Amino acid sequence: MNTDPYFVSTRFLRERFNRFLPNSQAFSLAIIVLVSFGLIYFLSDLLKPVYVSVVLAYFLEELVDKLESLKLPRLVAVCLVFSIFMAALVYLLFFLMPIITQQAVELVQHIPAFISRMQVQIMRLPEKYPQFITENKIQEIMFTIQKELLIYGQSVLSVSAASVVSLVSAMVYLFLVPMMVFFFLKDKQVLVDWVLQYLPRDRHLSVRVWEEVDMQIGNYVRGKFAEVFILWVVSYVTYETMGLNYSMLLSVLMGLSVIIPYIGATLVTFPVLLVAYFQWGLDGDNFMYVVIAYSIIQALDGVLLVPVLFSEAVNLHAIAIIIAILFFGGIWGFWGVFLAIPLATVVKAVLTAWPQIDAPSTSPTQISSAGSSHLPSA
């Protein structure tokens, strides 16, 4: 047995490499994943409109396929789906956003009155519970809160100034993104064929992983959009019927809260209860009605909506979901948070496929024959 250090180290590295990348298909999958991640990470600032357009076109493709299954020509199906998309975008920008912005401005303008009222309530605590808290301690706490609010207000102003600077970019996006979405839908097959010619030929395993990821991401995203819409409508009807102020703003926050699992529902609880408290106080029954209505909506979401909408979605552990939100949200901000679970699904699918290609009973030829039926035409 050769005990030369160079030979031993070389053999050790070769065995580790062959274990991690046992065949050409594993190597192709690793290259595709690394190149895709690199392009998205390093070029996200430059090509963000393209990435957003690709994501939107991917989501709308499901509707186009359903219309094509009804014997409609693809161009007609694309035009119908794109018309619906543009109508929703116009409604969002010119009807929903002005209402939300107006209510948000009104809420911010009433914050000083809220703070004054809260300060009066807090200053009564030393009288009720002198053994637990003193007036000097209350004043220190209120001074700290006012200082933090001043810093927060300055940061909001700086963000507002930055948003004014980026207004031109937003207008450009509003023109470019819909146009690219239309062409991505209309020329899907042409673009797919163009991309496939640059991918490795031995990509059967990559196609198999993509088919699993495609199914799971589609189920998750369609379910998530339905969940957001249902919670928004139900919350708005409930709050508007009860006469709660800022009902549209709070209902939109309720809908968007489900994008961030576990954390979103906790964060949206405070504005709903605070608005109800400052509107009615704790003396009447209205505040308790809001608490009960909010609890029922959250319970129905967890008990009814989630099992129905995500029955076919991939099952990820809570720790994996939280780590995915922190990691991808830190890299790509809002879109990273929104797509954290689908991206975690991609990672899970790749990791699940890896032991299969490392199994001694699975040869490259067997894998090739198993995946050849799923290979898209180049």
Protein backbone atom coordinates (compact mmCIF):
# COMPACT_ATOMS: atom_id res chain seq x y z
CA MET A 1 0.00 0.00 0.00
CA ASN A 2 1.41 3.36 -1.03
CA THR A 3 1.93 5.60 2.02
CA ASP A 4 3.30 8.60 0.14
CA PRO A 5 1.64 11.77 1.66
CA TYR A 6 1.00 13.28 -1.76
CA PHE A 7 -0.63 10.07 -3.02
CA VAL A 8 -2.76 9.71 0.13
CA SER A 9 -3.95 13.33 0.04
CA THR A 10 -4.71 13.15 -3.68
CA ARG A 11 -6.70 9.94 -3.25
CA PHE A 12 -8.59 11.43 -0.32
CA LEU A 13 -9.57 14.53 -2.33
CA ARG A 14 -10.53 12.44 -5.34
CA GLU A 15 -12.76 10.20 -3.22
CA ARG A 16 -14.43 13.21 -1.59
CA PHE A 17 -14.97 14.83 -5.00
CA ASN A 18 -16.42 11.65 -6.47
CA ARG A 19 -18.71 11.27 -3.48
CA PHE A 20 -20.00 14.83 -3.78
CA LEU A 21 -20.17 14.82 -7.60
CA PRO A 22 -20.44 11.11 -8.46
CA ASN A 23 -21.35 11.57 -12.12
CA SER A 24 -21.76 14.13 -14.86
CA GLN A 25 -25.41 14.77 -14.01
CA ALA A 26 -24.51 15.76 -10.46
CA PHE A 27 -21.81 18.03 -11.85
CA SER A 28 -24.31 19.63 -14.27
CA LEU A 29 -26.82 20.21 -11.46
CA ALA A 30 -24.14 21.81 -9.27
CA ILE A 31 -23.02 24.10 -12.10
CA ILE A 32 -26.60 25.19 -12.90
CA VAL A 33 -27.35 25.94 -9.24
CA LEU A 34 -24.12 27.87 -8.67
CA VAL A 35 -24.37 29.90 -11.89
CA SER A 36 -28.05 30.73 -11.27
CA PHE A 37 -27.34 31.85 -7.71
CA GLY A 38 -24.34 33.90 -8.84
CA LEU A 39 -26.29 35.67 -11.59
CA ILE A 40 -29.14 36.52 -9.25
CA TYR A 41 -26.91 37.61 -6.37
CA PHE A 42 -24.30 39.67 -8.22
CA LEU A 43 -26.55 41.16 -10.92
CA SER A 44 -29.72 41.69 -8.86
CA ASP A 45 -29.32 45.48 -8.78
CA LEU A 46 -28.77 45.75 -12.53
CA LEU A 47 -31.30 43.20 -13.73
CA LYS A 48 -33.98 43.51 -11.05
CA PRO A 49 -36.73 44.44 -13.59
CA VAL A 50 -35.84 41.33 -15.60
CA TYR A 51 -35.99 39.07 -12.55
CA VAL A 52 -39.30 40.57 -11.42
CA SER A 53 -40.71 40.10 -14.93
CA VAL A 54 -39.56 36.48 -15.06
CA VAL A 55 -41.19 35.75 -11.68
CA LEU A 56 -44.47 37.40 -12.69
CA ALA A 57 -44.50 35.64 -16.07
CA TYR A 58 -43.84 32.32 -14.33
CA PHE A 59 -46.85 32.85 -12.07
CA LEU A 60 -49.11 33.94 -14.95
CA GLU A 61 -48.05 31.00 -17.11
CA GLU A 62 -50.37 28.73 -15.13
CA LEU A 63 -53.40 30.76 -16.25
CA VAL A 64 -52.17 30.75 -19.84
CA ASP A 65 -51.83 26.94 -19.75
CA LYS A 66 -55.38 26.58 -18.42
CA LEU A 67 -56.76 28.76 -21.21
CA GLU A 68 -54.75 26.81 -23.79
CA SER A 69 -56.28 23.59 -22.43
CA LEU A 70 -59.65 25.10 -23.42
CA LYS A 71 -58.45 25.09 -27.07
CA LEU A 72 -57.62 28.81 -27.16
CA PRO A 73 -54.63 29.87 -29.28
CA ARG A 74 -51.64 30.82 -27.14
CA LEU A 75 -51.58 34.41 -28.34
CA VAL A 76 -55.25 34.88 -27.41
CA ALA A 77 -54.66 33.25 -24.02
CA VAL A 78 -51.64 35.47 -23.38
CA CYS A 79 -53.59 38.61 -24.31
CA LEU A 80 -56.46 37.68 -21.96
CA VAL A 81 -54.16 36.89 -19.02
CA PHE A 82 -52.07 39.99 -19.65
CA SER A 83 -55.23 42.13 -19.73
CA ILE A 84 -56.27 40.74 -16.34
CA PHE A 85 -52.77 41.41 -15.01
CA MET A 86 -52.81 45.00 -16.23
CA ALA A 87 -56.31 45.58 -14.80
CA ALA A 88 -55.12 44.32 -11.40
CA LEU A 89 -52.02 46.51 -11.63
CA VAL A 90 -54.08 49.62 -12.49
CA TYR A 91 -56.47 48.89 -9.60
CA LEU A 92 -53.52 48.48 -7.24
CA LEU A 93 -51.74 51.66 -8.30
CA PHE A 94 -54.64 54.06 -8.87
CA PHE A 95 -57.29 52.89 -6.40
CA LEU A 96 -55.85 50.79 -3.60
CA MET A 97 -52.52 52.58 -3.12
CA PRO A 98 -54.03 56.11 -2.76
CA ILE A 99 -56.43 54.84 -0.08
CA ILE A 100 -53.67 53.03 1.81
CA THR A 101 -51.35 56.03 1.52
CA GLN A 102 -54.02 58.43 2.77
CA GLN A 103 -54.86 56.25 5.75
CA ALA A 104 -51.18 55.72 6.54
CA VAL A 105 -50.58 59.51 6.50
CA GLU A 106 -53.58 60.08 8.76
CA LEU A 107 -52.34 57.41 11.15
CA VAL A 108 -48.88 58.98 11.30
CA GLN A 109 -50.40 62.42 11.90
CA HIS A 110 -52.37 61.05 14.86
CA ILE A 111 -49.33 59.40 16.45
CA PRO A 112 -48.57 62.47 18.69
CA ALA A 113 -52.14 62.38 20.02
CA PHE A 114 -51.79 58.65 20.62
CA ILE A 115 -48.55 59.20 22.51
CA SER A 116 -50.07 61.98 24.64
CA ARG A 117 -53.01 59.79 25.55
CA MET A 118 -50.72 56.88 26.32
CA GLN A 119 -48.54 59.16 28.44
CA VAL A 120 -51.55 60.20 30.54
CA GLN A 121 -52.44 56.55 31.10
CA ILE A 122 -48.87 55.62 31.99
CA MET A 123 -48.48 58.52 34.42
CA ARG A 124 -51.36 57.07 36.44
CA LEU A 125 -49.48 53.85 37.07
CA PRO A 126 -47.45 55.18 40.07
CA GLU A 127 -50.72 56.11 41.77
CA LYS A 128 -52.20 52.64 41.26
CA TYR A 129 -49.05 50.58 41.78
CA PRO A 130 -46.58 52.65 43.87
CA GLN A 131 -44.84 49.51 45.12
CA PHE A 132 -43.82 48.48 41.59
CA ILE A 133 -43.04 51.72 39.73
CA THR A 134 -42.20 55.32 40.60
CA GLU A 135 -42.94 58.60 38.83
CA ASN A 136 -39.25 59.22 38.14
CA LYS A 137 -38.95 55.85 36.43
CA ILE A 138 -41.99 56.63 34.28
CA GLN A 139 -40.47 59.94 33.21
CA GLU A 140 -37.22 58.19 32.24
CA ILE A 141 -39.16 55.68 30.17
CA MET A 142 -41.19 58.40 28.43
CA PHE A 143 -38.03 60.41 27.68
CA THR A 144 -36.44 57.32 26.12
CA ILE A 145 -39.54 56.64 24.02
CA GLN A 146 -39.67 60.24 22.78
CA LYS A 147 -35.97 60.11 21.89
CA GLU A 148 -36.42 56.87 19.94
CA LEU A 149 -39.47 58.29 18.13
CA LEU A 150 -37.43 61.36 17.13
CA ILE A 151 -34.69 59.14 15.68
CA TYR A 152 -37.32 57.04 13.91
CA GLY A 153 -38.95 60.16 12.47
CA GLN A 154 -35.61 61.34 11.10
CA SER A 155 -35.00 57.95 9.49
CA VAL A 156 -38.48 58.07 7.91
CA LEU A 157 -37.68 61.48 6.43
CA SER A 158 -34.41 60.21 5.02
CA VAL A 159 -36.19 57.21 3.49
CA SER A 160 -38.83 59.53 2.03
CA ALA A 161 -36.12 61.69 0.45
CA ALA A 162 -34.47 58.60 -0.99
CA SER A 163 -37.81 57.40 -2.34
CA VAL A 164 -38.27 60.71 -4.15
CA VAL A 165 -34.90 60.21 -5.80
CA SER A 166 -35.89 56.70 -6.91
CA LEU A 167 -39.27 57.83 -8.30
CA VAL A 168 -37.89 57.96 -11.83
CA SER A 169 -36.63 54.38 -11.50
CA ALA A 170 -40.07 53.27 -10.31
CA MET A 171 -41.70 54.89 -13.34
CA VAL A 172 -39.24 53.11 -15.61
CA TYR A 173 -40.07 49.80 -13.90
CA LEU A 174 -43.79 50.40 -14.40
CA PHE A 175 -43.16 50.61 -18.13
CA LEU A 176 -40.49 47.93 -18.54
CA VAL A 177 -41.88 45.18 -16.30
CA PRO A 178 -45.34 44.83 -17.96
CA MET A 179 -43.75 44.95 -21.41
CA MET A 180 -41.25 42.21 -20.52
CA VAL A 181 -43.96 40.11 -18.86
CA PHE A 182 -45.96 40.18 -22.10
CA PHE A 183 -43.02 39.09 -24.26
CA PHE A 184 -41.92 36.42 -21.76
CA LEU A 185 -45.42 34.93 -22.00
CA LYS A 186 -45.81 35.32 -25.76
CA ASP A 187 -42.35 34.00 -26.72
CA LYS A 188 -41.94 31.47 -23.90
CA GLN A 189 -40.91 28.53 -26.07
CA VAL A 190 -38.44 30.60 -28.10
CA LEU A 191 -36.75 31.89 -24.95
CA VAL A 192 -36.70 28.45 -23.31
CA ASP A 193 -35.09 26.89 -26.39
CA TRP A 194 -32.51 29.67 -26.44
CA VAL A 195 -31.57 29.06 -22.79
CA LEU A 196 -31.48 25.28 -23.18
CA GLN A 197 -28.80 25.44 -25.85
CA TYR A 198 -26.38 26.87 -23.29
CA LEU A 199 -27.14 24.29 -20.59
CA PRO A 200 -25.19 21.01 -20.25
CA ARG A 201 -26.55 18.21 -22.41
CA ASP A 202 -26.42 15.72 -19.55
CA ARG A 203 -29.09 17.47 -17.47
CA HIS A 204 -31.69 14.77 -16.84
CA LEU A 205 -31.24 14.98 -13.06
CA SER A 206 -31.52 18.77 -13.18
CA VAL A 207 -34.79 18.45 -15.12
CA ARG A 208 -36.13 16.01 -12.53
CA VAL A 209 -35.22 18.35 -9.67
CA TRP A 210 -36.78 21.30 -11.53
CA GLU A 211 -40.05 19.41 -12.09
CA GLU A 212 -40.34 18.78 -8.35
CA VAL A 213 -39.43 22.39 -7.51
CA ASP A 214 -41.83 23.69 -10.19
CA MET A 215 -44.73 21.74 -8.69
CA GLN A 216 -43.99 22.78 -5.10
CA ILE A 217 -43.34 26.46 -5.89
CA GLY A 218 -46.48 26.68 -8.02
CA ASN A 219 -48.62 25.18 -5.26
CA TYR A 220 -47.09 27.45 -2.63
CA VAL A 221 -47.29 30.72 -4.54
CA ARG A 222 -50.85 30.16 -5.80
CA GLY A 223 -51.93 29.25 -2.29
CA LYS A 224 -50.14 32.24 -0.79
CA PHE A 225 -51.75 34.72 -3.19
CA ALA A 226 -55.17 33.22 -2.45
CA GLU A 227 -54.51 33.41 1.29
CA VAL A 228 -53.44 37.08 1.08
CA PHE A 229 -56.51 38.00 -0.98
CA ILE A 230 -58.98 36.15 1.26
CA LEU A 231 -57.56 37.59 4.48
CA TRP A 232 -57.54 41.09 3.00
CA VAL A 233 -61.19 40.92 1.88
CA VAL A 234 -62.48 39.25 5.05
CA SER A 235 -60.56 41.67 7.30
CA TYR A 236 -61.72 44.72 5.35
CA VAL A 237 -65.39 43.69 5.43
CA THR A 238 -65.13 42.92 9.16
CA TYR A 239 -63.34 46.14 10.17
CA GLU A 240 -65.47 48.33 7.91
CA THR A 241 -68.66 46.81 9.35
CA MET A 242 -67.42 47.44 12.89
CA GLY A 243 -66.47 51.05 12.03
CA LEU A 244 -62.78 50.63 12.84
CA ASN A 245 -60.59 53.48 11.62
CA TYR A 246 -57.99 52.80 8.90
CA SER A 247 -59.85 49.61 7.91
CA MET A 248 -58.28 49.38 4.44
CA LEU A 249 -54.74 49.90 5.75
CA LEU A 250 -55.17 47.37 8.56
CA SER A 251 -56.80 44.78 6.28
CA VAL A 252 -53.96 45.07 3.76
CA LEU A 253 -51.48 44.59 6.60
CA MET A 254 -53.47 41.55 7.69
CA GLY A 255 -53.22 40.07 4.20
CA LEU A 256 -49.52 40.81 3.77
CA SER A 257 -48.71 39.45 7.23
CA VAL A 258 -49.05 35.87 5.98
CA ILE A 259 -46.07 36.40 3.66
CA ILE A 260 -43.80 36.16 6.72
CA PRO A 261 -44.82 32.99 8.59
CA TYR A 262 -45.05 33.21 12.40
CA ILE A 263 -43.54 36.72 12.51
CA GLY A 264 -46.07 38.58 10.34
CA ALA A 265 -49.13 37.64 12.42
CA THR A 266 -47.35 38.82 15.57
CA LEU A 267 -46.32 42.16 14.08
CA VAL A 268 -49.75 43.04 12.67
CA THR A 269 -51.47 42.38 16.01
CA PHE A 270 -50.10 45.58 17.56
CA PRO A 271 -51.42 48.15 15.03
CA VAL A 272 -54.89 46.54 14.97
CA LEU A 273 -55.25 46.50 18.76
CA LEU A 274 -53.68 49.94 19.23
CA VAL A 275 -56.01 51.57 16.70
CA ALA A 276 -59.01 49.92 18.36
CA TYR A 277 -57.80 50.97 21.83
CA PHE A 278 -57.24 54.63 20.91
CA GLN A 279 -60.55 54.76 19.04
CA TRP A 280 -62.78 53.24 21.73
CA GLY A 281 -60.67 52.63 24.83
CA LEU A 282 -61.27 49.74 27.19
CA ASP A 283 -64.54 50.97 28.68
CA GLY A 284 -66.97 49.87 25.96
CA ASP A 285 -67.52 46.57 24.17
CA ASN A 286 -66.20 47.68 20.77
CA PHE A 287 -62.56 47.02 21.66
CA MET A 288 -63.40 43.50 22.82
CA TYR A 289 -65.38 42.88 19.63
CA VAL A 290 -62.32 43.81 17.57
CA VAL A 291 -60.14 41.48 19.62
CA ILE A 292 -62.61 38.63 19.15
CA ALA A 293 -62.98 39.29 15.40
CA TYR A 294 -59.21 39.47 14.94
CA SER A 295 -58.72 36.21 16.87
CA ILE A 296 -61.40 34.43 14.82
CA ILE A 297 -59.84 35.57 11.52
CA GLN A 298 -56.38 34.37 12.60
CA ALA A 299 -57.80 31.07 13.85
CA LEU A 300 -59.70 30.44 10.61
CA ASP A 301 -56.54 31.21 8.66
CA GLY A 302 -54.54 28.65 10.61
CA VAL A 303 -57.20 25.97 10.94
CA LEU A 304 -59.04 26.26 7.59
CA LEU A 305 -57.16 28.27 4.95
CA VAL A 306 -53.64 26.91 5.45
CA PRO A 307 -54.60 23.18 5.38
CA VAL A 308 -56.85 23.67 2.33
CA LEU A 309 -54.54 25.92 0.29
CA PHE A 310 -51.23 24.24 1.12
CA SER A 311 -52.25 20.58 1.31
CA GLU A 312 -49.89 19.78 -1.60
CA ALA A 313 -47.12 22.20 -0.66
CA VAL A 314 -43.79 20.99 0.63
CA ASN A 315 -43.57 20.44 4.39
CA LEU A 316 -40.71 22.44 5.85
CA HIS A 317 -39.75 22.54 9.50
CA ALA A 318 -40.42 25.81 11.35
CA ILE A 319 -36.69 26.31 12.00
CA ALA A 320 -35.95 25.85 8.29
CA ILE A 321 -38.61 28.45 7.40
CA ILE A 322 -37.24 31.01 9.88
CA ILE A 323 -33.65 30.47 8.69
CA ALA A 324 -34.76 30.83 5.06
CA ILE A 325 -36.58 34.10 5.86
CA LEU A 326 -33.54 35.53 7.66
CA PHE A 327 -31.06 34.40 5.00
CA PHE A 328 -32.88 35.26 1.78
CA GLY A 329 -34.49 38.36 3.31
CA GLY A 330 -31.04 39.63 4.25
CA ILE A 331 -29.82 39.09 0.68
CA TRP A 332 -32.79 40.30 -1.41
CA GLY A 333 -35.00 42.27 1.00
CA PHE A 334 -38.78 42.05 0.42
CA TRP A 335 -38.54 39.68 -2.53
CA GLY A 336 -36.22 37.46 -0.50
CA VAL A 337 -38.78 37.30 2.32
CA PHE A 338 -41.64 36.65 -0.10
CA LEU A 339 -39.76 33.90 -1.95
CA ALA A 340 -37.96 32.50 1.11
CA ILE A 341 -40.07 29.33 1.30
CA PRO A 342 -39.94 28.61 -2.48
CA LEU A 343 -36.18 29.12 -2.42
CA ALA A 344 -35.92 26.85 0.61
CA THR A 345 -37.93 24.34 -1.42
CA VAL A 346 -35.27 24.49 -4.15
CA VAL A 347 -32.55 23.78 -1.59
CA LYS A 348 -34.56 20.92 -0.11
CA ALA A 349 -35.20 19.38 -3.55
CA VAL A 350 -31.49 19.49 -4.42
CA LEU A 351 -30.48 17.99 -1.07
CA THR A 352 -33.14 15.29 -1.41
CA ALA A 353 -31.89 14.33 -4.88
CA TRP A 354 -28.25 14.14 -3.82
CA PRO A 355 -28.36 10.83 -1.89
CA GLN A 356 -30.14 9.23 -4.87
CA ILE A 357 -27.25 9.97 -7.19
CA ASP A 358 -24.78 8.78 -4.54
CA ALA A 359 -26.52 5.43 -4.09
CA PRO A 360 -24.34 2.49 -5.26
CA SER A 361 -27.29 0.86 -7.08
CA THR A 362 -27.95 3.89 -9.25
CA SER A 363 -25.70 4.17 -12.26
CA PRO A 364 -25.38 7.16 -14.59
CA THR A 365 -27.01 5.13 -17.35
CA GLN A 366 -30.04 4.32 -15.18
CA ILE A 367 -30.43 7.93 -14.15
CA SER A 368 -30.15 9.05 -17.78
CA SER A 369 -32.85 6.63 -18.91
CA ALA A 370 -35.12 7.58 -15.99
CA GLY A 371 -34.90 11.26 -16.71
CA SER A 372 -34.93 11.19 -20.51
CA SER A 373 -38.73 11.28 -20.71
CA HIS A 374 -38.79 14.60 -18.78
CA LEU A 375 -36.11 16.34 -20.82
CA PRO A 376 -37.48 19.42 -22.56
CA SER A 377 -36.80 19.75 -26.25
CA ALA A 378 -33.80 21.89 -27.07
